[in-house]
Structure formats: C-alpha cells, structure tokens
Amino acid sequence: MSENTVALPAIYAQKAGMTRIFDESGKHIPVTVIKLIPNIISQVKTKDTDGYDAYQVAYYEKREKLVNKPLKGHLKKAGEDKAFCRFAEVKSSEVNAENLGKTISTDTFAAKTMVDVTGTSKGKGFAGVIKRYGFSGGPGSHGHTFHRGTGSVGQCDKPGRIFAQKKMPGHMGVDKKTVQNLEVVELNVEQGYMLIRGSVPGAKNGFVKIAKALKK
C-alpha cells in the first residue's frame, strides 16, 4: 500500500453482472463481477467539528460540466480535480486529517476475504401480495371468486381500521438490501475488477458498498 492510499473497512464499486468460473477440480462457481472505481476521501469528520469520527468518500466520476460549482468547490478543498458526484460516509474509530484527498486501497479485500455487500434492489413496480410477499392465493379453477386477492385485512367493528405494516399490494423493490458473508474469489486491481461468490443486490451498473463482514 502506497503513501497516497489509505485502508478503510468499506469501498464503493459498480456491479457489472454475473458469470461463472471453474476451480481446480472443475467445479463451476457462480460469481458476481464487481467493477472497481476510484474512491477518494473528500472530507474528514471529527468529534470536534461534527460530533463523530468518519471519512466522507467520493466516487463515480462524471464529466466536469455535469457537476455543479458547490461540489467542485467541495472537492477542491480535498485537492481533487476530478468531478466526483456521489458521496458516502465510512465511520472510523480514529481519523487523521492528513488522509484528506487520499485514495482508498482495495488491498484489504483480497481473495478469501468475507464481505457484506449492500445495494439497491431491482424495482418491480406495483405488485400484488402473491408476488410481493408470497401469499398462496385462492383456488384457480372456475366457479371461485377469490384467486389472487389479498383476503381479509381488518375487523368490522373494533378497532375498525387496518393496522400499520399490514402486508398489502404496493411498490416492490428499490429497497436497500444487504447480503452478508460473501466470499471474495478474486481481486484484480490491474484490470479493475473483483469477483464475489454468489449474487449481490441491484441491477447491472448499480452501485454497491463492499464492507468487511461483521458476523464472521
């Protein structure tokens, strides 16, 4: 790890898609291809100024004309000329102001490392209870009037209302999801990709947070 990089417990990247590889015994392993993108520390937050210790991470570079002046000024304070447009925070027990503007290293996510991956799930639009929650529904044959409906959702007299969080039709997907304890199969910094065993939340080109596994 060079002097211009710093190790943090999380990085941000893009999901490129899924494929499979073969191990030494010929067994195929389904993997998700993660595209590595630059992550830089754009702000150092301390207890004295912000009430907590954390690093603000900037990632996903756009063309300069697509980034407004406030963001350009914010990045200029970190000594960064690239037009990053997405920001997130990574909490740390100890922070150092000298790390401002440094790049986050990916060396801590080598092969065999267990990680938690967080992303935004695919949007499914407006969905019924069978698709959204796995309800069984009613008989599908002729003569029945109840097929894919919700069924009873409340009482008639008392309390005479539908309780909050009742499972009903509604917007499905576009939720923050985390899959824990996934194994990093391969890390190739030179070609800019990472292979993670199994599937991760989100669509192609969606952004994901890759963090050290908390329960491993």
C-alpha atoms as a PDB file:
ATOM      1  CA  MET A   1       0.000   0.000   0.000  1.00  0.00           C
ATOM      2  CA  SER A   2       1.494   3.339  -1.084  1.00  0.00           C
ATOM      3  CA  GLU A   3       1.659   6.590   0.847  1.00  0.00           C
ATOM      4  CA  ASN A   4      -1.214   8.069  -1.190  1.00  0.00           C
ATOM      5  CA  THR A   5      -3.646   5.319  -0.228  1.00  0.00           C
ATOM      6  CA  VAL A   6      -5.440   4.521   2.999  1.00  0.00           C
ATOM      7  CA  ALA A   7      -7.170   1.327   4.138  1.00  0.00           C
ATOM      8  CA  LEU A   8     -10.827   1.575   5.183  1.00  0.00           C
ATOM      9  CA  PRO A   9     -13.298  -1.178   6.102  1.00  0.00           C
ATOM     10  CA  ALA A  10     -15.542  -0.375   3.108  1.00  0.00           C
ATOM     11  CA  ILE A  11     -15.327   0.663  -0.543  1.00  0.00           C
ATOM     12  CA  TYR A  12     -17.875   1.590  -3.209  1.00  0.00           C
ATOM     13  CA  ALA A  13     -17.989  -0.026  -6.636  1.00  0.00           C
ATOM     14  CA  GLN A  14     -20.308  -0.930  -9.515  1.00  0.00           C
ATOM     15  CA  LYS A  15     -21.996  -4.232 -10.268  1.00  0.00           C
ATOM     16  CA  ALA A  16     -21.029  -5.327 -13.784  1.00  0.00           C
ATOM     17  CA  GLY A  17     -23.057  -8.553 -13.941  1.00  0.00           C
ATOM     18  CA  MET A  18     -22.749 -12.271 -13.207  1.00  0.00           C
ATOM     19  CA  THR A  19     -20.755 -15.124 -14.709  1.00  0.00           C
ATOM     20  CA  ARG A  20     -19.114 -18.342 -13.558  1.00  0.00           C
ATOM     21  CA  ILE A  21     -15.584 -19.604 -13.135  1.00  0.00           C
ATOM     22  CA  PHE A  22     -14.110 -23.063 -12.585  1.00  0.00           C
ATOM     23  CA  ASP A  23     -11.938 -24.126  -9.688  1.00  0.00           C
ATOM     24  CA  GLU A  24      -9.026 -26.576  -9.808  1.00  0.00           C
ATOM     25  CA  SER A  25     -11.329 -29.594  -9.549  1.00  0.00           C
ATOM     26  CA  GLY A  26     -13.502 -28.402 -12.450  1.00  0.00           C
ATOM     27  CA  LYS A  27     -16.450 -27.377 -10.289  1.00  0.00           C
ATOM     28  CA  HIS A  28     -18.166 -24.211 -11.529  1.00  0.00           C
ATOM     29  CA  ILE A  29     -18.592 -21.286  -9.126  1.00  0.00           C
ATOM     30  CA  PRO A  30     -21.238 -18.585  -9.784  1.00  0.00           C
ATOM     31  CA  VAL A  31     -19.706 -15.143  -9.198  1.00  0.00           C
ATOM     32  CA  THR A  32     -20.708 -11.509  -9.439  1.00  0.00           C
ATOM     33  CA  VAL A  33     -18.301  -9.255 -11.328  1.00  0.00           C
ATOM     34  CA  ILE A  34     -17.642  -6.003  -9.491  1.00  0.00           C
ATOM     35  CA  LYS A  35     -16.116  -3.085 -11.383  1.00  0.00           C
ATOM     36  CA  LEU A  36     -13.630  -1.216  -9.196  1.00  0.00           C
ATOM     37  CA  ILE A  37     -13.859   2.575  -9.388  1.00  0.00           C
ATOM     38  CA  PRO A  38     -11.709   5.237  -7.655  1.00  0.00           C
ATOM     39  CA  ASN A  39     -12.687   6.133  -4.090  1.00  0.00           C
ATOM     40  CA  ILE A  40     -11.120   9.223  -2.525  1.00  0.00           C
ATOM     41  CA  ILE A  41     -11.505  10.810   0.889  1.00  0.00           C
ATOM     42  CA  SER A  42     -13.240  14.126   0.265  1.00  0.00           C
ATOM     43  CA  GLN A  43     -13.780  15.175   3.891  1.00  0.00           C
ATOM     44  CA  VAL A  44     -12.564  14.191   7.343  1.00  0.00           C
ATOM     45  CA  LYS A  45     -15.223  14.493  10.039  1.00  0.00           C
ATOM     46  CA  THR A  46     -14.168  14.710  13.678  1.00  0.00           C
ATOM     47  CA  LYS A  47     -15.919  14.870  17.026  1.00  0.00           C
ATOM     48  CA  ASP A  48     -14.841  18.488  17.464  1.00  0.00           C
ATOM     49  CA  THR A  49     -16.473  19.721  14.273  1.00  0.00           C
ATOM     50  CA  ASP A  50     -19.198  17.167  13.523  1.00  0.00           C
ATOM     51  CA  GLY A  51     -19.757  15.244  16.741  1.00  0.00           C
ATOM     52  CA  TYR A  52     -18.415  11.934  15.410  1.00  0.00           C
ATOM     53  CA  ASP A  53     -15.417  10.480  13.598  1.00  0.00           C
ATOM     54  CA  ALA A  54     -15.860   9.435   9.965  1.00  0.00           C
ATOM     55  CA  TYR A  55     -14.461   9.775   6.475  1.00  0.00           C
ATOM     56  CA  GLN A  56     -16.547  11.117   3.631  1.00  0.00           C
ATOM     57  CA  VAL A  57     -15.846   9.092   0.489  1.00  0.00           C
ATOM     58  CA  ALA A  58     -16.343  10.463  -3.035  1.00  0.00           C
ATOM     59  CA  TYR A  59     -16.748   8.125  -6.006  1.00  0.00           C
ATOM     60  CA  TYR A  60     -18.211   7.846  -9.542  1.00  0.00           C
ATOM     61  CA  GLU A  61     -16.600  10.417 -11.808  1.00  0.00           C
ATOM     62  CA  LYS A  62     -18.649  12.384 -14.347  1.00  0.00           C
ATOM     63  CA  ARG A  63     -17.759  14.954 -16.980  1.00  0.00           C
ATOM     64  CA  GLU A  64     -16.794  18.251 -15.381  1.00  0.00           C
ATOM     65  CA  LYS A  65     -19.694  20.170 -16.980  1.00  0.00           C
ATOM     66  CA  LEU A  66     -22.193  17.833 -15.277  1.00  0.00           C
ATOM     67  CA  VAL A  67     -21.056  18.684 -11.729  1.00  0.00           C
ATOM     68  CA  ASN A  68     -22.246  21.905 -10.116  1.00  0.00           C
ATOM     69  CA  LYS A  69     -19.978  24.532  -8.590  1.00  0.00           C
ATOM     70  CA  PRO A  70     -20.653  23.726  -4.903  1.00  0.00           C
ATOM     71  CA  LEU A  71     -19.479  20.137  -5.434  1.00  0.00           C
ATOM     72  CA  LYS A  72     -16.456  21.334  -7.394  1.00  0.00           C
ATOM     73  CA  GLY A  73     -15.529  23.646  -4.519  1.00  0.00           C
ATOM     74  CA  HIS A  74     -16.008  20.846  -2.012  1.00  0.00           C
ATOM     75  CA  LEU A  75     -13.683  18.573  -3.982  1.00  0.00           C
ATOM     76  CA  LYS A  76     -11.170  21.387  -4.458  1.00  0.00           C
ATOM     77  CA  LYS A  77     -10.743  21.597  -0.666  1.00  0.00           C
ATOM     78  CA  ALA A  78      -9.627  17.957  -0.783  1.00  0.00           C
ATOM     79  CA  GLY A  79      -7.173  18.781  -3.569  1.00  0.00           C
ATOM     80  CA  GLU A  80      -9.137  16.757  -6.107  1.00  0.00           C
ATOM     81  CA  ASP A  81      -9.607  17.911  -9.700  1.00  0.00           C
ATOM     82  CA  LYS A  82     -11.799  15.015 -10.848  1.00  0.00           C
ATOM     83  CA  ALA A  83     -15.556  15.576 -10.958  1.00  0.00           C
ATOM     84  CA  PHE A  84     -16.905  13.029  -8.496  1.00  0.00           C
ATOM     85  CA  CYS A  85     -20.650  13.232  -7.933  1.00  0.00           C
ATOM     86  CA  ARG A  86     -21.554  10.573  -5.345  1.00  0.00           C
ATOM     87  CA  PHE A  87     -20.651  10.735  -1.662  1.00  0.00           C
ATOM     88  CA  ALA A  88     -20.958   8.419   1.311  1.00  0.00           C
ATOM     89  CA  GLU A  89     -19.588   8.146   4.828  1.00  0.00           C
ATOM     90  CA  VAL A  90     -17.482   5.410   6.358  1.00  0.00           C
ATOM     91  CA  LYS A  91     -17.273   5.597  10.130  1.00  0.00           C
ATOM     92  CA  SER A  92     -13.939   5.016  11.802  1.00  0.00           C
ATOM     93  CA  SER A  93     -12.833   4.914  15.422  1.00  0.00           C
ATOM     94  CA  GLU A  94      -9.801   7.020  14.553  1.00  0.00           C
ATOM     95  CA  VAL A  95      -9.469   9.610  11.801  1.00  0.00           C
ATOM     96  CA  ASN A  96      -6.486  11.544  10.532  1.00  0.00           C
ATOM     97  CA  ALA A  97      -6.756  14.893   8.759  1.00  0.00           C
ATOM     98  CA  GLU A  98      -3.683  14.014   6.713  1.00  0.00           C
ATOM     99  CA  ASN A  99      -5.719  11.389   4.844  1.00  0.00           C
ATOM    100  CA  LEU A 100      -7.766  14.086   3.085  1.00  0.00           C
ATOM    101  CA  GLY A 101      -7.582  13.567  -0.670  1.00  0.00           C
ATOM    102  CA  LYS A 102      -6.044  10.098  -0.464  1.00  0.00           C
ATOM    103  CA  THR A 103      -7.338   7.112  -2.411  1.00  0.00           C
ATOM    104  CA  ILE A 104      -8.930   4.179  -0.612  1.00  0.00           C
ATOM    105  CA  SER A 105      -6.969   0.988  -1.063  1.00  0.00           C
ATOM    106  CA  THR A 106      -8.614  -2.238  -2.257  1.00  0.00           C
ATOM    107  CA  ASP A 107      -5.793  -4.451  -0.988  1.00  0.00           C
ATOM    108  CA  THR A 108      -7.760  -5.250   2.183  1.00  0.00           C
ATOM    109  CA  PHE A 109     -10.324  -7.141   0.076  1.00  0.00           C
ATOM    110  CA  ALA A 110      -8.046  -9.849  -1.239  1.00  0.00           C
ATOM    111  CA  ALA A 111      -9.206 -13.341  -2.166  1.00  0.00           C
ATOM    112  CA  LYS A 112     -10.786 -15.431   0.637  1.00  0.00           C
ATOM    113  CA  THR A 113     -11.954 -12.258   2.425  1.00  0.00           C
ATOM    114  CA  MET A 114     -15.540 -12.371   3.719  1.00  0.00           C
ATOM    115  CA  VAL A 115     -17.588  -9.268   2.938  1.00  0.00           C
ATOM    116  CA  ASP A 116     -21.060  -7.781   3.323  1.00  0.00           C
ATOM    117  CA  VAL A 117     -22.470  -6.251   0.126  1.00  0.00           C
ATOM    118  CA  THR A 118     -25.144  -3.548   0.232  1.00  0.00           C
ATOM    119  CA  GLY A 119     -27.059  -2.336  -2.806  1.00  0.00           C
ATOM    120  CA  THR A 120     -30.440  -1.141  -4.061  1.00  0.00           C
ATOM    121  CA  SER A 121     -32.678  -3.982  -5.196  1.00  0.00           C
ATOM    122  CA  LYS A 122     -34.278  -4.027  -8.645  1.00  0.00           C
ATOM    123  CA  GLY A 123     -37.569  -2.184  -9.000  1.00  0.00           C
ATOM    124  CA  LYS A 124     -40.617  -4.375  -9.715  1.00  0.00           C
ATOM    125  CA  GLY A 125     -43.267  -1.653  -9.875  1.00  0.00           C
ATOM    126  CA  PHE A 126     -46.697  -2.088  -8.256  1.00  0.00           C
ATOM    127  CA  ALA A 127     -47.094  -5.709  -7.194  1.00  0.00           C
ATOM    128  CA  GLY A 128     -49.783  -7.757  -5.525  1.00  0.00           C
ATOM    129  CA  VAL A 129     -49.430  -9.764  -2.331  1.00  0.00           C
ATOM    130  CA  ILE A 130     -48.664 -13.047  -4.120  1.00  0.00           C
ATOM    131  CA  LYS A 131     -45.621 -11.646  -5.911  1.00  0.00           C
ATOM    132  CA  ARG A 132     -44.643  -9.232  -3.154  1.00  0.00           C
ATOM    133  CA  TYR A 133     -44.988 -11.456  -0.092  1.00  0.00           C
ATOM    134  CA  GLY A 134     -45.558 -14.986  -1.407  1.00  0.00           C
ATOM    135  CA  PHE A 135     -49.210 -15.351  -0.417  1.00  0.00           C
ATOM    136  CA  SER A 136     -50.753 -18.627  -1.606  1.00  0.00           C
ATOM    137  CA  GLY A 137     -53.954 -17.117  -3.018  1.00  0.00           C
ATOM    138  CA  GLY A 138     -57.225 -18.941  -3.610  1.00  0.00           C
ATOM    139  CA  PRO A 139     -58.312 -21.778  -5.904  1.00  0.00           C
ATOM    140  CA  GLY A 140     -57.595 -21.165  -9.577  1.00  0.00           C
ATOM    141  CA  SER A 141     -60.468 -23.184 -11.054  1.00  0.00           C
ATOM    142  CA  HIS A 142     -63.801 -21.900 -12.396  1.00  0.00           C
ATOM    143  CA  GLY A 143     -66.581 -21.070 -10.000  1.00  0.00           C
ATOM    144  CA  HIS A 144     -64.348 -19.448  -7.416  1.00  0.00           C
ATOM    145  CA  THR A 145     -64.373 -15.696  -6.916  1.00  0.00           C
ATOM    146  CA  PHE A 146     -61.141 -15.488  -4.915  1.00  0.00           C
ATOM    147  CA  HIS A 147     -57.945 -16.066  -6.926  1.00  0.00           C
ATOM    148  CA  ARG A 148     -55.097 -13.648  -6.280  1.00  0.00           C
ATOM    149  CA  GLY A 149     -56.726 -11.213  -3.887  1.00  0.00           C
ATOM    150  CA  THR A 150     -55.417 -10.042  -0.530  1.00  0.00           C
ATOM    151  CA  GLY A 151     -58.120 -11.555   1.661  1.00  0.00           C
ATOM    152  CA  SER A 152     -59.265 -10.151   4.983  1.00  0.00           C
ATOM    153  CA  VAL A 153     -57.202  -7.170   6.125  1.00  0.00           C
ATOM    154  CA  GLY A 154     -59.014  -5.970   9.241  1.00  0.00           C
ATOM    155  CA  GLN A 155     -62.028  -6.078  11.534  1.00  0.00           C
ATOM    156  CA  CYS A 156     -65.531  -4.745  11.027  1.00  0.00           C
ATOM    157  CA  ASP A 157     -66.405  -3.100  14.320  1.00  0.00           C
ATOM    158  CA  LYS A 158     -63.423  -2.985  16.668  1.00  0.00           C
ATOM    159  CA  PRO A 159     -60.911  -1.424  16.140  1.00  0.00           C
ATOM    160  CA  GLY A 160     -62.423  -0.808  12.698  1.00  0.00           C
ATOM    161  CA  ARG A 161     -59.205   0.081  10.927  1.00  0.00           C
ATOM    162  CA  ILE A 162     -56.233  -1.514   9.172  1.00  0.00           C
ATOM    163  CA  PHE A 163     -53.092  -1.756  11.278  1.00  0.00           C
ATOM    164  CA  ALA A 164     -49.864  -0.242  10.049  1.00  0.00           C
ATOM    165  CA  GLN A 165     -47.336  -2.541   8.333  1.00  0.00           C
ATOM    166  CA  LYS A 166     -50.130  -4.802   7.090  1.00  0.00           C
ATOM    167  CA  LYS A 167     -48.952  -6.826   4.106  1.00  0.00           C
ATOM    168  CA  MET A 168     -50.845  -5.377   1.162  1.00  0.00           C
ATOM    169  CA  PRO A 169     -50.256  -4.638  -2.541  1.00  0.00           C
ATOM    170  CA  GLY A 170     -47.810  -1.819  -3.197  1.00  0.00           C
ATOM    171  CA  HIS A 171     -44.487  -0.699  -4.595  1.00  0.00           C
ATOM    172  CA  MET A 172     -41.997  -3.562  -4.758  1.00  0.00           C
ATOM    173  CA  GLY A 173     -38.243  -3.282  -4.991  1.00  0.00           C
ATOM    174  CA  VAL A 174     -35.865  -0.284  -4.897  1.00  0.00           C
ATOM    175  CA  ASP A 175     -35.029  -1.120  -1.283  1.00  0.00           C
ATOM    176  CA  LYS A 176     -31.690  -1.055   0.477  1.00  0.00           C
ATOM    177  CA  LYS A 177     -30.594  -4.680   0.826  1.00  0.00           C
ATOM    178  CA  THR A 178     -27.512  -6.270   2.374  1.00  0.00           C
ATOM    179  CA  VAL A 179     -26.208  -9.781   1.732  1.00  0.00           C
ATOM    180  CA  GLN A 180     -23.809 -10.919   4.434  1.00  0.00           C
ATOM    181  CA  ASN A 181     -20.836 -13.251   4.490  1.00  0.00           C
ATOM    182  CA  LEU A 182     -19.971 -13.442   0.796  1.00  0.00           C
ATOM    183  CA  GLU A 183     -16.512 -14.608  -0.202  1.00  0.00           C
ATOM    184  CA  VAL A 184     -14.173 -12.650  -2.449  1.00  0.00           C
ATOM    185  CA  VAL A 185     -12.979 -15.156  -5.042  1.00  0.00           C
ATOM    186  CA  GLU A 186     -10.551 -12.911  -6.937  1.00  0.00           C
ATOM    187  CA  LEU A 187      -9.227  -9.358  -6.787  1.00  0.00           C
ATOM    188  CA  ASN A 188      -7.543  -7.944  -9.881  1.00  0.00           C
ATOM    189  CA  VAL A 189      -6.542  -4.331  -9.300  1.00  0.00           C
ATOM    190  CA  GLU A 190      -4.617  -4.063 -12.581  1.00  0.00           C
ATOM    191  CA  GLN A 191      -7.689  -4.854 -14.691  1.00  0.00           C
ATOM    192  CA  GLY A 192     -10.062  -3.193 -12.224  1.00  0.00           C
ATOM    193  CA  TYR A 193     -12.442  -5.948 -11.187  1.00  0.00           C
ATOM    194  CA  MET A 194     -13.388  -8.147  -8.245  1.00  0.00           C
ATOM    195  CA  LEU A 195     -15.199 -11.494  -8.246  1.00  0.00           C
ATOM    196  CA  ILE A 196     -17.567 -12.261  -5.370  1.00  0.00           C
ATOM    197  CA  ARG A 197     -19.126 -15.687  -4.906  1.00  0.00           C
ATOM    198  CA  GLY A 198     -22.903 -15.658  -5.326  1.00  0.00           C
ATOM    199  CA  SER A 199     -25.292 -12.842  -6.162  1.00  0.00           C
ATOM    200  CA  VAL A 200     -25.469  -9.312  -4.784  1.00  0.00           C
ATOM    201  CA  PRO A 201     -28.413  -6.872  -4.714  1.00  0.00           C
ATOM    202  CA  GLY A 202     -29.085  -4.486  -7.576  1.00  0.00           C
ATOM    203  CA  ALA A 203     -29.106  -4.241 -11.342  1.00  0.00           C
ATOM    204  CA  LYS A 204     -26.180  -4.006 -13.735  1.00  0.00           C
ATOM    205  CA  ASN A 205     -24.147  -0.820 -13.350  1.00  0.00           C
ATOM    206  CA  GLY A 206     -25.743  -0.236  -9.950  1.00  0.00           C
ATOM    207  CA  PHE A 207     -23.589   0.981  -7.085  1.00  0.00           C
ATOM    208  CA  VAL A 208     -22.749  -1.354  -4.206  1.00  0.00           C
ATOM    209  CA  LYS A 209     -20.990  -0.973  -0.886  1.00  0.00           C
ATOM    210  CA  ILE A 210     -18.489  -3.701  -0.086  1.00  0.00           C
ATOM    211  CA  ALA A 211     -17.560  -3.874   3.594  1.00  0.00           C
ATOM    212  CA  LYS A 212     -15.718  -6.278   5.847  1.00  0.00           C
ATOM    213  CA  ALA A 213     -18.127  -8.911   7.187  1.00  0.00           C
ATOM    214  CA  LEU A 214     -19.462  -8.038  10.627  1.00  0.00           C
ATOM    215  CA  LYS A 215     -20.590 -11.531  11.647  1.00  0.00           C
ATOM    216  CA  LYS A 216     -17.611 -13.563  10.509  1.00  0.00           C
END
